[in-house]
Amino acid sequence: MSDAQNQPVFSIEKLYVKDISLEIPNAPQIFLEREGPQVDIQLHHESKPIEDGVFQTILTVTVTAKAKEKTLFLAEVGQAGIFVIRNIPEADMEPVLGIACPNILFPYVREVISDVVGRAGFPPVVLTPVNFEALYQAQKQAQAGEQQGSPIVQAAH
């Protein structure tokens, strides 16, 4: 094999919205609500191989807004990407799938969440930047302490 065939490869094949949902269970009365909402944001990502050297990563963001005890809206977007990843040491694959791929997907899911919430008649939700490297490290530490499959981050605004 030549050196060119052994070079690390990381490329984006396709970026797409795999899943999108919006619920406004208390419409139309909820649009008359004057109280500022409590917004809860959760992120989760998952990667899996789809063929040799090709992986799908899905970054799912769930945004729930409530006023008092009533849900204003619940928006969930699964932004997916198909990535070609070859000739990368096995020890480096987990960080590539857990940091690099979500970093690429985040700006797209951020835009879709903002757009869908705005189109629903609410002020757009603008997600703040996420440090996936710090989340990855925290998740690794949590897994070292106890094995669990919880969401990688939960934030309340």
C-alpha atoms as a PDB file:
ATOM      1  CA  MET A   1       0.000   0.000   0.000  1.00  0.00           C
ATOM      2  CA  SER A   2       1.201   3.478  -0.739  1.00  0.00           C
ATOM      3  CA  ASP A   3       1.402   6.194   1.894  1.00  0.00           C
ATOM      4  CA  ALA A   4      -1.521   8.019   0.252  1.00  0.00           C
ATOM      5  CA  GLN A   5      -3.795   5.023   0.916  1.00  0.00           C
ATOM      6  CA  ASN A   6      -2.835   5.061   4.614  1.00  0.00           C
ATOM      7  CA  GLN A   7      -3.479   8.782   5.125  1.00  0.00           C
ATOM      8  CA  PRO A   8      -6.198   9.619   7.642  1.00  0.00           C
ATOM      9  CA  VAL A   9      -9.508  10.504   6.008  1.00  0.00           C
ATOM     10  CA  PHE A  10     -12.287  12.569   7.577  1.00  0.00           C
ATOM     11  CA  SER A  11     -14.921  13.946   5.258  1.00  0.00           C
ATOM     12  CA  ILE A  12     -18.578  14.910   5.310  1.00  0.00           C
ATOM     13  CA  GLU A  13     -20.712  12.920   2.894  1.00  0.00           C
ATOM     14  CA  LYS A  14     -24.110  14.359   3.798  1.00  0.00           C
ATOM     15  CA  LEU A  15     -25.748  16.600   6.404  1.00  0.00           C
ATOM     16  CA  TYR A  16     -29.511  16.346   6.877  1.00  0.00           C
ATOM     17  CA  VAL A  17     -32.388  16.705   9.322  1.00  0.00           C
ATOM     18  CA  LYS A  18     -33.261  13.131  10.262  1.00  0.00           C
ATOM     19  CA  ASP A  19     -36.066  13.915  12.694  1.00  0.00           C
ATOM     20  CA  ILE A  20     -38.019  17.045  13.560  1.00  0.00           C
ATOM     21  CA  SER A  21     -41.020  17.554  15.792  1.00  0.00           C
ATOM     22  CA  LEU A  22     -42.867  20.483  17.263  1.00  0.00           C
ATOM     23  CA  GLU A  23     -45.705  20.328  19.735  1.00  0.00           C
ATOM     24  CA  ILE A  24     -47.799  23.234  20.993  1.00  0.00           C
ATOM     25  CA  PRO A  25     -50.213  21.328  23.223  1.00  0.00           C
ATOM     26  CA  ASN A  26     -51.937  24.378  24.733  1.00  0.00           C
ATOM     27  CA  ALA A  27     -52.480  26.429  21.569  1.00  0.00           C
ATOM     28  CA  PRO A  28     -54.193  28.775  20.926  1.00  0.00           C
ATOM     29  CA  GLN A  29     -54.720  29.856  24.566  1.00  0.00           C
ATOM     30  CA  ILE A  30     -50.989  29.667  25.334  1.00  0.00           C
ATOM     31  CA  PHE A  31     -50.353  32.569  22.940  1.00  0.00           C
ATOM     32  CA  LEU A  32     -52.237  34.806  25.367  1.00  0.00           C
ATOM     33  CA  GLU A  33     -49.849  33.883  28.213  1.00  0.00           C
ATOM     34  CA  ARG A  34     -47.858  36.896  29.393  1.00  0.00           C
ATOM     35  CA  GLU A  35     -45.461  35.206  31.795  1.00  0.00           C
ATOM     36  CA  GLY A  36     -41.897  34.672  30.607  1.00  0.00           C
ATOM     37  CA  PRO A  37     -41.157  31.021  29.888  1.00  0.00           C
ATOM     38  CA  GLN A  38     -38.739  28.652  31.562  1.00  0.00           C
ATOM     39  CA  VAL A  39     -36.699  26.987  28.825  1.00  0.00           C
ATOM     40  CA  ASP A  40     -35.012  23.608  29.254  1.00  0.00           C
ATOM     41  CA  ILE A  41     -32.517  22.432  26.639  1.00  0.00           C
ATOM     42  CA  GLN A  42     -31.124  18.909  26.341  1.00  0.00           C
ATOM     43  CA  LEU A  43     -28.522  17.618  23.905  1.00  0.00           C
ATOM     44  CA  HIS A  44     -27.709  14.035  23.064  1.00  0.00           C
ATOM     45  CA  HIS A  45     -25.590  12.500  20.331  1.00  0.00           C
ATOM     46  CA  GLU A  46     -25.163   9.025  18.974  1.00  0.00           C
ATOM     47  CA  SER A  47     -22.813   7.605  16.362  1.00  0.00           C
ATOM     48  CA  LYS A  48     -22.887   4.257  14.621  1.00  0.00           C
ATOM     49  CA  PRO A  49     -21.129   2.669  11.666  1.00  0.00           C
ATOM     50  CA  ILE A  50     -23.227   2.231   8.532  1.00  0.00           C
ATOM     51  CA  GLU A  51     -20.533   0.539   6.471  1.00  0.00           C
ATOM     52  CA  ASP A  52     -16.765   0.130   6.592  1.00  0.00           C
ATOM     53  CA  GLY A  53     -15.261   3.560   7.299  1.00  0.00           C
ATOM     54  CA  VAL A  54     -18.639   5.337   7.068  1.00  0.00           C
ATOM     55  CA  PHE A  55     -20.485   6.550  10.167  1.00  0.00           C
ATOM     56  CA  GLN A  56     -23.731   8.313  10.956  1.00  0.00           C
ATOM     57  CA  THR A  57     -23.821  10.770  13.853  1.00  0.00           C
ATOM     58  CA  ILE A  58     -27.115  12.213  15.088  1.00  0.00           C
ATOM     59  CA  LEU A  59     -27.135  15.254  17.357  1.00  0.00           C
ATOM     60  CA  THR A  60     -30.555  15.592  18.982  1.00  0.00           C
ATOM     61  CA  VAL A  61     -31.622  18.811  20.693  1.00  0.00           C
ATOM     62  CA  THR A  62     -34.815  18.971  22.723  1.00  0.00           C
ATOM     63  CA  VAL A  63     -36.156  22.370  23.795  1.00  0.00           C
ATOM     64  CA  THR A  64     -39.074  22.562  26.211  1.00  0.00           C
ATOM     65  CA  ALA A  65     -40.606  25.924  27.158  1.00  0.00           C
ATOM     66  CA  LYS A  66     -43.115  26.242  29.989  1.00  0.00           C
ATOM     67  CA  ALA A  67     -45.025  29.146  31.524  1.00  0.00           C
ATOM     68  CA  LYS A  68     -46.272  28.355  35.008  1.00  0.00           C
ATOM     69  CA  GLU A  69     -47.062  24.645  34.639  1.00  0.00           C
ATOM     70  CA  LYS A  70     -48.265  24.823  31.041  1.00  0.00           C
ATOM     71  CA  THR A  71     -46.082  23.770  28.139  1.00  0.00           C
ATOM     72  CA  LEU A  72     -45.679  26.537  25.570  1.00  0.00           C
ATOM     73  CA  PHE A  73     -43.871  24.285  23.120  1.00  0.00           C
ATOM     74  CA  LEU A  74     -41.650  21.270  22.803  1.00  0.00           C
ATOM     75  CA  ALA A  75     -39.307  21.223  19.817  1.00  0.00           C
ATOM     76  CA  GLU A  76     -36.955  18.372  19.009  1.00  0.00           C
ATOM     77  CA  VAL A  77     -34.541  18.170  16.105  1.00  0.00           C
ATOM     78  CA  GLY A  78     -32.267  15.294  15.158  1.00  0.00           C
ATOM     79  CA  GLN A  79     -29.545  16.705  12.896  1.00  0.00           C
ATOM     80  CA  ALA A  80     -27.598  13.922  11.223  1.00  0.00           C
ATOM     81  CA  GLY A  81     -24.403  13.623   9.302  1.00  0.00           C
ATOM     82  CA  ILE A  82     -22.770  10.874   7.327  1.00  0.00           C
ATOM     83  CA  PHE A  83     -19.006  10.963   7.753  1.00  0.00           C
ATOM     84  CA  VAL A  84     -16.243   9.023   6.037  1.00  0.00           C
ATOM     85  CA  ILE A  85     -13.585   8.249   8.639  1.00  0.00           C
ATOM     86  CA  ARG A  86     -10.707   5.988   7.660  1.00  0.00           C
ATOM     87  CA  ASN A  87      -7.129   5.263   8.738  1.00  0.00           C
ATOM     88  CA  ILE A  88      -7.628   6.848  12.148  1.00  0.00           C
ATOM     89  CA  PRO A  89      -6.278   4.878  15.123  1.00  0.00           C
ATOM     90  CA  GLU A  90      -9.000   3.040  17.050  1.00  0.00           C
ATOM     91  CA  ALA A  91      -8.146   5.008  20.211  1.00  0.00           C
ATOM     92  CA  ASP A  92      -8.917   8.267  18.352  1.00  0.00           C
ATOM     93  CA  MET A  93     -12.249   7.156  16.864  1.00  0.00           C
ATOM     94  CA  GLU A  94     -14.327   7.827  19.986  1.00  0.00           C
ATOM     95  CA  PRO A  95     -13.172  11.468  20.299  1.00  0.00           C
ATOM     96  CA  VAL A  96     -13.691  12.028  16.553  1.00  0.00           C
ATOM     97  CA  LEU A  97     -17.261  10.704  16.794  1.00  0.00           C
ATOM     98  CA  GLY A  98     -17.947  12.365  20.161  1.00  0.00           C
ATOM     99  CA  ILE A  99     -16.354  15.768  19.562  1.00  0.00           C
ATOM    100  CA  ALA A 100     -15.607  16.503  15.899  1.00  0.00           C
ATOM    101  CA  CYS A 101     -18.879  15.205  14.425  1.00  0.00           C
ATOM    102  CA  PRO A 102     -21.199  16.970  16.935  1.00  0.00           C
ATOM    103  CA  ASN A 103     -19.163  20.179  16.466  1.00  0.00           C
ATOM    104  CA  ILE A 104     -19.919  20.043  12.742  1.00  0.00           C
ATOM    105  CA  LEU A 105     -23.621  19.284  13.281  1.00  0.00           C
ATOM    106  CA  PHE A 106     -24.289  21.864  16.009  1.00  0.00           C
ATOM    107  CA  PRO A 107     -24.558  25.020  13.844  1.00  0.00           C
ATOM    108  CA  TYR A 108     -27.101  23.255  11.625  1.00  0.00           C
ATOM    109  CA  VAL A 109     -29.280  21.996  14.493  1.00  0.00           C
ATOM    110  CA  ARG A 110     -29.018  25.429  16.118  1.00  0.00           C
ATOM    111  CA  GLU A 111     -30.434  27.064  12.975  1.00  0.00           C
ATOM    112  CA  VAL A 112     -33.242  24.511  12.586  1.00  0.00           C
ATOM    113  CA  ILE A 113     -34.331  24.886  16.245  1.00  0.00           C
ATOM    114  CA  SER A 114     -34.375  28.683  15.938  1.00  0.00           C
ATOM    115  CA  ASP A 115     -36.304  28.523  12.666  1.00  0.00           C
ATOM    116  CA  VAL A 116     -38.934  25.991  13.763  1.00  0.00           C
ATOM    117  CA  VAL A 117     -39.613  27.788  17.069  1.00  0.00           C
ATOM    118  CA  GLY A 118     -39.886  31.128  15.244  1.00  0.00           C
ATOM    119  CA  ARG A 119     -42.250  29.676  12.656  1.00  0.00           C
ATOM    120  CA  ALA A 120     -44.390  28.331  15.496  1.00  0.00           C
ATOM    121  CA  GLY A 121     -45.044  31.928  16.563  1.00  0.00           C
ATOM    122  CA  PHE A 122     -42.620  32.131  19.476  1.00  0.00           C
ATOM    123  CA  PRO A 123     -39.461  34.199  19.840  1.00  0.00           C
ATOM    124  CA  PRO A 124     -36.640  32.099  18.303  1.00  0.00           C
ATOM    125  CA  VAL A 125     -34.539  30.050  20.696  1.00  0.00           C
ATOM    126  CA  VAL A 126     -30.863  30.697  20.000  1.00  0.00           C
ATOM    127  CA  LEU A 127     -28.701  27.940  21.415  1.00  0.00           C
ATOM    128  CA  THR A 128     -25.464  29.111  22.968  1.00  0.00           C
ATOM    129  CA  PRO A 129     -22.264  27.497  21.683  1.00  0.00           C
ATOM    130  CA  VAL A 130     -21.451  24.104  23.180  1.00  0.00           C
ATOM    131  CA  ASN A 131     -17.982  22.851  24.109  1.00  0.00           C
ATOM    132  CA  PHE A 132     -18.280  19.230  22.977  1.00  0.00           C
ATOM    133  CA  GLU A 133     -14.728  18.491  24.078  1.00  0.00           C
ATOM    134  CA  ALA A 134     -15.561  19.456  27.683  1.00  0.00           C
ATOM    135  CA  LEU A 135     -18.806  17.456  27.499  1.00  0.00           C
ATOM    136  CA  TYR A 136     -16.918  14.463  26.131  1.00  0.00           C
ATOM    137  CA  GLN A 137     -14.389  14.664  28.983  1.00  0.00           C
ATOM    138  CA  ALA A 138     -17.181  14.993  31.567  1.00  0.00           C
ATOM    139  CA  GLN A 139     -19.014  12.034  30.050  1.00  0.00           C
ATOM    140  CA  LYS A 140     -15.829   9.933  30.171  1.00  0.00           C
ATOM    141  CA  GLN A 141     -15.319  10.830  33.838  1.00  0.00           C
ATOM    142  CA  ALA A 142     -18.943   9.966  34.617  1.00  0.00           C
ATOM    143  CA  GLN A 143     -18.584   6.632  32.821  1.00  0.00           C
ATOM    144  CA  ALA A 144     -15.431   5.896  34.781  1.00  0.00           C
ATOM    145  CA  GLY A 145     -17.386   6.510  37.984  1.00  0.00           C
ATOM    146  CA  GLU A 146     -20.489   4.604  36.921  1.00  0.00           C
ATOM    147  CA  GLN A 147     -21.745   3.159  33.656  1.00  0.00           C
ATOM    148  CA  GLN A 148     -24.798   5.110  32.483  1.00  0.00           C
ATOM    149  CA  GLY A 149     -26.389   6.354  29.239  1.00  0.00           C
ATOM    150  CA  SER A 150     -27.788   9.713  30.279  1.00  0.00           C
ATOM    151  CA  PRO A 151     -28.021  12.818  28.080  1.00  0.00           C
ATOM    152  CA  ILE A 152     -24.667  14.536  27.721  1.00  0.00           C
ATOM    153  CA  VAL A 153     -25.901  17.906  28.914  1.00  0.00           C
ATOM    154  CA  GLN A 154     -28.920  19.460  30.519  1.00  0.00           C
ATOM    155  CA  ALA A 155     -29.300  23.197  30.811  1.00  0.00           C
ATOM    156  CA  ALA A 156     -32.105  25.319  32.157  1.00  0.00           C
ATOM    157  CA  HIS A 157     -32.519  28.952  31.139  1.00  0.00           C
END
